[in-house]
Protein backbone atom coordinates (compact mmCIF):
# COMPACT_ATOMS: atom_id res chain seq x y z
CA MET A 1 -24.68 35.39 14.34
CA GLU A 2 -27.62 34.40 12.17
CA ILE A 3 -25.51 34.79 8.98
CA PHE A 4 -22.83 32.58 10.51
CA ILE A 5 -25.30 29.78 11.24
CA THR A 6 -27.14 30.15 7.92
CA TYR A 7 -24.18 30.46 5.51
CA ILE A 8 -20.74 29.91 7.00
CA ILE A 9 -21.27 26.64 8.90
CA PRO A 10 -22.92 24.80 5.95
CA ILE A 11 -20.15 25.95 3.59
CA ILE A 12 -17.38 24.78 5.94
CA LEU A 13 -19.20 21.51 6.56
CA GLY A 14 -19.74 20.89 2.83
CA VAL A 15 -16.10 21.59 1.92
CA THR A 16 -14.87 19.31 4.71
CA ILE A 17 -17.12 16.45 3.69
CA GLY A 18 -16.09 16.89 0.05
CA LEU A 19 -12.39 16.72 0.90
CA VAL A 20 -12.86 13.61 3.04
CA LEU A 21 -14.81 11.87 0.29
CA MET A 22 -12.12 12.73 -2.29
CA ALA A 23 -9.40 11.28 -0.06
CA LEU A 24 -11.39 8.11 0.57
CA LYS A 25 -12.13 7.67 -3.13
CA ASP A 26 -8.42 7.86 -3.99
CA TYR A 27 -7.56 5.43 -1.20
CA TYR A 28 -10.13 2.81 -2.16
CA THR A 29 -9.67 3.04 -5.93
CA ALA A 30 -5.88 2.64 -5.93
CA LYS A 31 -4.79 0.16 -8.60
CA ILE A 32 -3.58 -2.85 -6.63
CA THR A 33 -3.96 -6.52 -7.47
CA GLY A 34 -4.04 -9.52 -5.18
CA LEU A 35 -2.33 -12.64 -6.50
CA ASP A 36 -2.60 -16.26 -5.47
CA THR A 37 0.56 -18.10 -4.44
CA GLU A 38 1.29 -19.67 -7.86
CA THR A 39 0.89 -16.45 -9.84
CA PHE A 40 2.90 -14.56 -7.23
CA GLN A 41 5.79 -17.06 -7.51
CA GLU A 42 5.73 -16.93 -11.32
CA GLY A 43 6.05 -13.15 -11.49
CA MET A 44 8.20 -12.33 -8.48
CA ARG A 45 11.53 -12.90 -10.27
CA LYS A 46 10.66 -10.21 -12.83
CA ALA A 47 9.70 -7.66 -10.19
CA GLN A 48 10.85 -5.96 -7.01
CA LEU A 49 10.01 -8.21 -4.09
CA ILE A 50 9.34 -6.37 -0.83
CA ASP A 51 8.71 -7.90 2.58
CA VAL A 52 6.66 -5.53 4.75
CA ARG A 53 6.60 -7.76 7.83
CA PRO A 54 8.29 -6.67 11.06
CA LYS A 55 12.11 -6.80 11.04
CA LYS A 56 12.23 -9.78 13.41
CA ALA A 57 9.95 -11.88 11.18
CA TYR A 58 11.98 -10.88 8.13
CA GLU A 59 15.21 -12.04 9.77
CA GLN A 60 13.66 -15.38 10.79
CA GLY A 61 12.78 -16.25 7.22
CA LYS A 62 12.22 -14.49 3.92
CA ILE A 63 11.78 -15.19 0.25
CA LYS A 64 15.15 -15.18 -1.52
CA GLY A 65 15.80 -11.81 -3.14
CA ALA A 66 13.27 -9.89 -1.03
CA ARG A 67 14.10 -6.55 0.54
CA HIS A 68 12.66 -5.40 3.83
CA PHE A 69 10.81 -2.13 4.30
CA SER A 70 8.26 -1.24 6.93
CA VAL A 71 5.12 0.44 5.64
CA ALA A 72 6.30 3.82 6.93
CA GLN A 73 9.74 3.45 5.30
CA LEU A 74 8.22 2.32 2.05
CA THR A 75 5.94 5.31 1.70
CA HIS A 76 8.28 8.06 2.87
CA LYS A 77 12.00 7.73 3.37
CA ASN A 78 12.92 4.92 0.98
CA GLN A 79 10.61 5.51 -1.97
CA THR A 80 13.59 6.35 -4.12
CA LYS A 81 15.00 2.88 -3.43
CA VAL A 82 12.00 1.26 -5.13
CA ARG A 83 11.94 1.68 -8.90
CA LYS A 84 8.73 2.89 -10.51
CA ASP A 85 9.43 1.24 -13.88
CA LEU A 86 9.29 -2.34 -12.49
CA PRO A 87 6.33 -4.13 -10.91
CA VAL A 88 6.27 -4.17 -7.11
CA TYR A 89 5.36 -7.41 -5.30
CA LEU A 90 4.57 -7.10 -1.59
CA TYR A 91 4.00 -9.76 1.04
CA HIS A 92 3.17 -9.87 4.75
CA SER A 93 1.78 -12.37 7.23
CA SER A 94 -1.39 -10.24 7.50
CA LYS A 95 -3.62 -9.71 4.47
CA PHE A 96 -4.96 -6.43 5.90
CA LYS A 97 -1.49 -4.95 6.40
CA VAL A 98 -0.17 -5.98 3.00
CA LYS A 99 -3.22 -4.44 1.28
CA ARG A 100 -2.70 -1.22 3.25
CA ALA A 101 0.96 -1.11 2.19
CA ALA A 102 0.03 -1.82 -1.44
CA ARG A 103 -2.54 0.99 -1.45
CA ARG A 104 -0.07 3.44 0.04
CA ILE A 105 2.61 2.71 -2.51
CA ALA A 106 0.07 2.80 -5.37
CA LEU A 107 -1.11 6.22 -4.22
CA ALA A 108 2.54 7.36 -4.28
CA GLY A 109 2.58 6.87 -8.06
CA TYR A 110 3.62 3.25 -8.58
CA GLN A 111 1.70 1.62 -11.44
CA ASP A 112 2.10 -2.16 -11.17
CA VAL A 113 1.53 -3.02 -7.51
CA TYR A 114 0.73 -6.60 -6.53
CA TYR A 115 0.38 -8.30 -3.18
CA LEU A 116 0.29 -11.91 -2.02
CA ASN A 117 -3.37 -12.65 -1.37
CA ASN A 118 -2.61 -15.49 1.06
CA PRO A 119 -0.67 -14.65 4.23
CA TYR A 120 3.04 -15.46 3.92
CA ILE A 121 4.15 -18.12 6.38
CA ASN A 122 7.80 -19.14 6.83
CA GLU A 123 8.40 -22.66 5.66
């Protein structure tokens, strides 16, 4: 029992903390860029435009040419529908949610990932 407390528990604890820190580092250092409205509008015609808002909000109003994916669909089932050789532009009505979606897709191997820094509001 003394060996377990002295050696095994610290090793398990150290490995666990190391793995958590590695995962957090990857998550927070993903290459994503926030763009203001003007820059976003200038570059969105040369990129893949993805709306990550809920389906109902997407149907009420969207940017012309945008495709709809939820965050879960974007990172799992439909990744093959988003090309990796073109920039990806994401927008949502919540800055927190669009940044989370951008990080997830960047961690999946996409290089040029941009998001609308200001919340998208239907006009």
